[in-house]
Structures are given as C-alpha cells and as structure tokens.
C-alpha cells in the first residue's frame, strides 16, 4: 500500500469513527439529556473524555487531509 493509499484509508476510518461518535452522542442526548457540566466534566460512560477524543481525531483528519493535497498548515 502506498503512502497516499494509507492516508486515504486512515482518512476514511477517521470520518467513520467521528460519525459513529456523533451518532452515539445524539442518541445519548435524546435518551438522557446532557447538561453543560456533563459535557465539560463527565468522568463516566460515553461522555468521559468525549470532547478530547473527538477533537484529537478531528485534528488528525485535518492533518491527513492536508497531507493528501500537499498543503502545509501554518498554525
């Protein structure tokens, strides 16, 4: 597998994981409701580290996308 193919595969997997996380979050919110405190400081269940995990994957997706098109991030 070439580097480009590996990056495209990683990009596809990241997108799917992010969509799955969003779906789970929406289902959880509809069933239980989510307070600001739950979202920002929960240590249990789905919300434990949710924001951090989602942000890390989203940032990696941006990085992979830049690598694929050959552009550099300047920030």
N, C-alpha and C. Protein backbone atom coordinates (compact mmCIF):
# COMPACT_ATOMS: atom_id res chain seq x y z
N UNK A 1 0.86 -1.17 0.00
CA UNK A 1 0.00 0.00 0.00
C UNK A 1 0.90 1.23 0.00
N UNK A 2 0.57 2.18 -0.88
CA UNK A 2 1.36 3.40 -0.94
C UNK A 2 1.02 4.32 0.23
N UNK A 3 1.87 5.33 0.41
CA UNK A 3 1.61 6.31 1.47
C UNK A 3 0.28 7.00 1.25
N UNK A 4 -0.02 7.36 0.00
CA UNK A 4 -1.28 8.04 -0.30
C UNK A 4 -2.47 7.13 -0.01
N UNK A 5 -2.35 5.86 -0.38
CA UNK A 5 -3.44 4.92 -0.10
C UNK A 5 -3.63 4.74 1.41
N UNK A 6 -2.54 4.69 2.14
CA UNK A 6 -2.62 4.55 3.60
C UNK A 6 -3.29 5.78 4.21
N UNK A 7 -2.94 6.96 3.71
CA UNK A 7 -3.56 8.19 4.23
C UNK A 7 -5.05 8.23 3.88
N UNK A 8 -5.39 7.83 2.67
CA UNK A 8 -6.81 7.82 2.28
C UNK A 8 -7.60 6.84 3.13
N UNK A 9 -7.00 5.69 3.43
CA UNK A 9 -7.66 4.69 4.29
C UNK A 9 -7.83 5.27 5.69
N UNK A 10 -6.78 5.90 6.22
CA UNK A 10 -6.87 6.50 7.55
C UNK A 10 -7.94 7.58 7.58
N UNK A 11 -7.99 8.41 6.55
CA UNK A 11 -8.99 9.48 6.47
C UNK A 11 -10.40 8.89 6.49
N UNK A 12 -10.62 7.87 5.71
CA UNK A 12 -11.93 7.23 5.67
C UNK A 12 -12.31 6.64 7.03
N UNK A 13 -11.36 6.00 7.68
CA UNK A 13 -11.62 5.41 9.01
C UNK A 13 -11.90 6.49 10.05
N UNK A 14 -11.16 7.59 9.99
CA UNK A 14 -11.40 8.69 10.93
C UNK A 14 -12.79 9.28 10.73
N UNK A 15 -13.18 9.49 9.49
CA UNK A 15 -14.51 10.04 9.21
C UNK A 15 -15.58 9.12 9.77
N UNK A 16 -15.43 7.81 9.55
CA UNK A 16 -16.43 6.86 10.05
C UNK A 16 -16.49 6.87 11.58
N UNK A 17 -15.33 6.91 12.23
CA UNK A 17 -15.30 6.94 13.70
C UNK A 17 -15.96 8.22 14.23
N UNK A 18 -15.68 9.35 13.59
CA UNK A 18 -16.27 10.61 14.03
C UNK A 18 -17.79 10.59 13.85
N UNK A 19 -18.25 10.06 12.73
CA UNK A 19 -19.70 9.95 12.51
C UNK A 19 -20.34 9.02 13.53
N UNK A 20 -19.67 7.91 13.83
CA UNK A 20 -20.20 6.99 14.85
C UNK A 20 -20.27 7.66 16.22
N UNK A 21 -19.23 8.42 16.56
CA UNK A 21 -19.25 9.13 17.85
C UNK A 21 -20.39 10.14 17.90
N UNK A 22 -20.60 10.87 16.81
CA UNK A 22 -21.69 11.84 16.77
C UNK A 22 -23.04 11.15 16.93
N UNK A 23 -23.21 10.04 16.25
CA UNK A 23 -24.47 9.28 16.34
C UNK A 23 -24.72 8.83 17.78
N UNK A 24 -23.68 8.27 18.42
CA UNK A 24 -23.82 7.81 19.80
C UNK A 24 -24.14 8.99 20.73
N UNK A 25 -23.49 10.12 20.50
CA UNK A 25 -23.73 11.31 21.33
C UNK A 25 -25.18 11.77 21.19
N UNK A 26 -25.67 11.84 19.97
CA UNK A 26 -27.05 12.28 19.73
C UNK A 26 -28.04 11.33 20.38
N UNK A 27 -27.81 10.02 20.23
CA UNK A 27 -28.70 9.04 20.86
C UNK A 27 -28.69 9.19 22.38
N UNK A 28 -27.51 9.36 22.95
CA UNK A 28 -27.38 9.53 24.39
C UNK A 28 -28.10 10.79 24.84
N UNK A 29 -27.91 11.87 24.10
CA UNK A 29 -28.55 13.14 24.45
C UNK A 29 -30.07 13.02 24.40
N UNK A 30 -30.61 12.33 23.40
CA UNK A 30 -32.06 12.17 23.30
C UNK A 30 -32.61 11.31 24.43
N UNK A 31 -31.85 10.32 24.86
CA UNK A 31 -32.31 9.42 25.92
C UNK A 31 -32.14 10.01 27.32
N UNK A 32 -31.03 10.72 27.56
CA UNK A 32 -30.69 11.14 28.91
C UNK A 32 -30.63 12.65 29.11
N UNK A 33 -30.51 13.37 28.03
CA UNK A 33 -30.23 14.80 28.16
C UNK A 33 -28.78 14.98 28.58
N UNK A 34 -28.23 16.12 28.26
CA UNK A 34 -26.83 16.39 28.61
C UNK A 34 -26.73 17.82 29.12
N UNK A 35 -26.28 17.95 30.34
CA UNK A 35 -26.07 19.28 30.89
C UNK A 35 -24.69 19.77 30.47
N UNK A 36 -24.46 21.05 30.60
CA UNK A 36 -23.15 21.60 30.33
C UNK A 36 -22.09 20.94 31.19
N UNK A 37 -22.44 20.69 32.45
CA UNK A 37 -21.50 20.04 33.36
C UNK A 37 -21.15 18.64 32.86
N UNK A 38 -22.17 17.89 32.41
CA UNK A 38 -21.92 16.55 31.87
C UNK A 38 -20.98 16.62 30.67
N UNK A 39 -21.24 17.55 29.79
CA UNK A 39 -20.45 17.66 28.56
C UNK A 39 -19.00 18.06 28.85
N UNK A 40 -18.82 19.00 29.76
CA UNK A 40 -17.48 19.53 30.01
C UNK A 40 -16.68 18.76 31.04
N UNK A 41 -17.35 18.06 31.96
CA UNK A 41 -16.59 17.48 33.08
C UNK A 41 -16.94 16.03 33.42
N UNK A 42 -17.73 15.36 32.59
CA UNK A 42 -18.12 14.00 32.93
C UNK A 42 -16.92 13.07 32.97
N UNK A 43 -16.93 12.19 33.94
CA UNK A 43 -15.86 11.19 34.09
C UNK A 43 -16.39 9.78 33.83
N UNK A 44 -17.67 9.67 33.46
CA UNK A 44 -18.32 8.37 33.32
C UNK A 44 -18.88 8.16 31.92
N UNK A 45 -18.92 6.91 31.52
CA UNK A 45 -19.62 6.50 30.31
C UNK A 45 -19.16 7.17 29.03
N UNK A 46 -20.11 7.34 28.14
CA UNK A 46 -19.84 7.90 26.82
C UNK A 46 -19.15 9.25 26.88
N UNK A 47 -19.53 10.07 27.83
CA UNK A 47 -19.02 11.44 27.86
C UNK A 47 -17.63 11.58 28.46
N UNK A 48 -17.13 10.53 29.12
CA UNK A 48 -15.78 10.60 29.69
C UNK A 48 -14.79 10.79 28.55
N UNK A 49 -14.09 11.90 28.56
CA UNK A 49 -13.08 12.22 27.56
C UNK A 49 -13.63 12.35 26.14
N UNK A 50 -14.95 12.48 25.98
CA UNK A 50 -15.56 12.56 24.65
C UNK A 50 -14.98 13.71 23.84
N UNK A 51 -14.98 14.90 24.43
CA UNK A 51 -14.51 16.08 23.70
C UNK A 51 -13.06 15.92 23.27
N UNK A 52 -12.22 15.41 24.16
CA UNK A 52 -10.81 15.25 23.86
C UNK A 52 -10.59 14.24 22.73
N UNK A 53 -11.26 13.10 22.83
CA UNK A 53 -11.12 12.07 21.79
C UNK A 53 -11.61 12.59 20.45
N UNK A 54 -12.77 13.24 20.46
CA UNK A 54 -13.33 13.75 19.22
C UNK A 54 -12.41 14.80 18.61
N UNK A 55 -11.92 15.71 19.44
CA UNK A 55 -11.03 16.77 18.96
C UNK A 55 -9.73 16.20 18.39
N UNK A 56 -9.15 15.22 19.06
CA UNK A 56 -7.91 14.60 18.57
C UNK A 56 -8.11 13.96 17.21
N UNK A 57 -9.22 13.23 17.06
CA UNK A 57 -9.48 12.59 15.77
C UNK A 57 -9.78 13.62 14.68
N UNK A 58 -10.53 14.66 15.03
CA UNK A 58 -10.84 15.70 14.06
C UNK A 58 -9.58 16.43 13.62
N UNK A 59 -8.68 16.70 14.54
CA UNK A 59 -7.43 17.36 14.19
C UNK A 59 -6.56 16.47 13.31
N UNK A 60 -6.54 15.18 13.61
CA UNK A 60 -5.78 14.25 12.77
C UNK A 60 -6.38 14.20 11.37
N UNK A 61 -7.70 14.25 11.27
CA UNK A 61 -8.36 14.27 9.97
C UNK A 61 -7.92 15.49 9.16
N UNK A 62 -7.83 16.64 9.81
CA UNK A 62 -7.35 17.85 9.13
C UNK A 62 -5.91 17.64 8.66
N UNK A 63 -5.07 17.09 9.51
CA UNK A 63 -3.67 16.86 9.15
C UNK A 63 -3.55 15.91 7.97
N UNK A 64 -4.29 14.82 7.99
CA UNK A 64 -4.26 13.85 6.90
C UNK A 64 -4.74 14.49 5.61
N UNK A 65 -5.80 15.27 5.69
CA UNK A 65 -6.33 15.94 4.51
C UNK A 65 -5.29 16.88 3.90
N UNK A 66 -4.58 17.61 4.76
CA UNK A 66 -3.52 18.49 4.26
C UNK A 66 -2.41 17.69 3.61
N UNK A 67 -2.06 16.57 4.21
CA UNK A 67 -1.01 15.73 3.62
C UNK A 67 -1.42 15.21 2.24
N UNK A 68 -2.67 14.85 2.10
CA UNK A 68 -3.15 14.30 0.84
C UNK A 68 -3.12 15.33 -0.30
N UNK A 69 -3.42 16.58 0.01
CA UNK A 69 -3.44 17.60 -1.04
C UNK A 69 -2.12 18.35 -1.14
N UNK A 70 -1.18 18.05 -0.24
CA UNK A 70 0.13 18.64 -0.31
C UNK A 70 0.20 20.07 0.21
N UNK A 71 -0.74 20.45 1.02
CA UNK A 71 -0.70 21.78 1.60
C UNK A 71 -0.16 21.71 3.03
N UNK A 72 0.45 22.77 3.44
CA UNK A 72 1.01 22.82 4.80
C UNK A 72 0.13 23.69 5.67
N UNK A 73 0.00 23.27 6.90
CA UNK A 73 -0.73 24.10 7.87
C UNK A 73 0.24 25.12 8.44
N UNK A 74 -0.21 26.34 8.52
CA UNK A 74 0.64 27.42 9.02
C UNK A 74 0.20 27.91 10.39
N UNK A 75 -0.34 27.02 11.21
CA UNK A 75 -0.76 27.42 12.54
C UNK A 75 -0.41 26.36 13.53
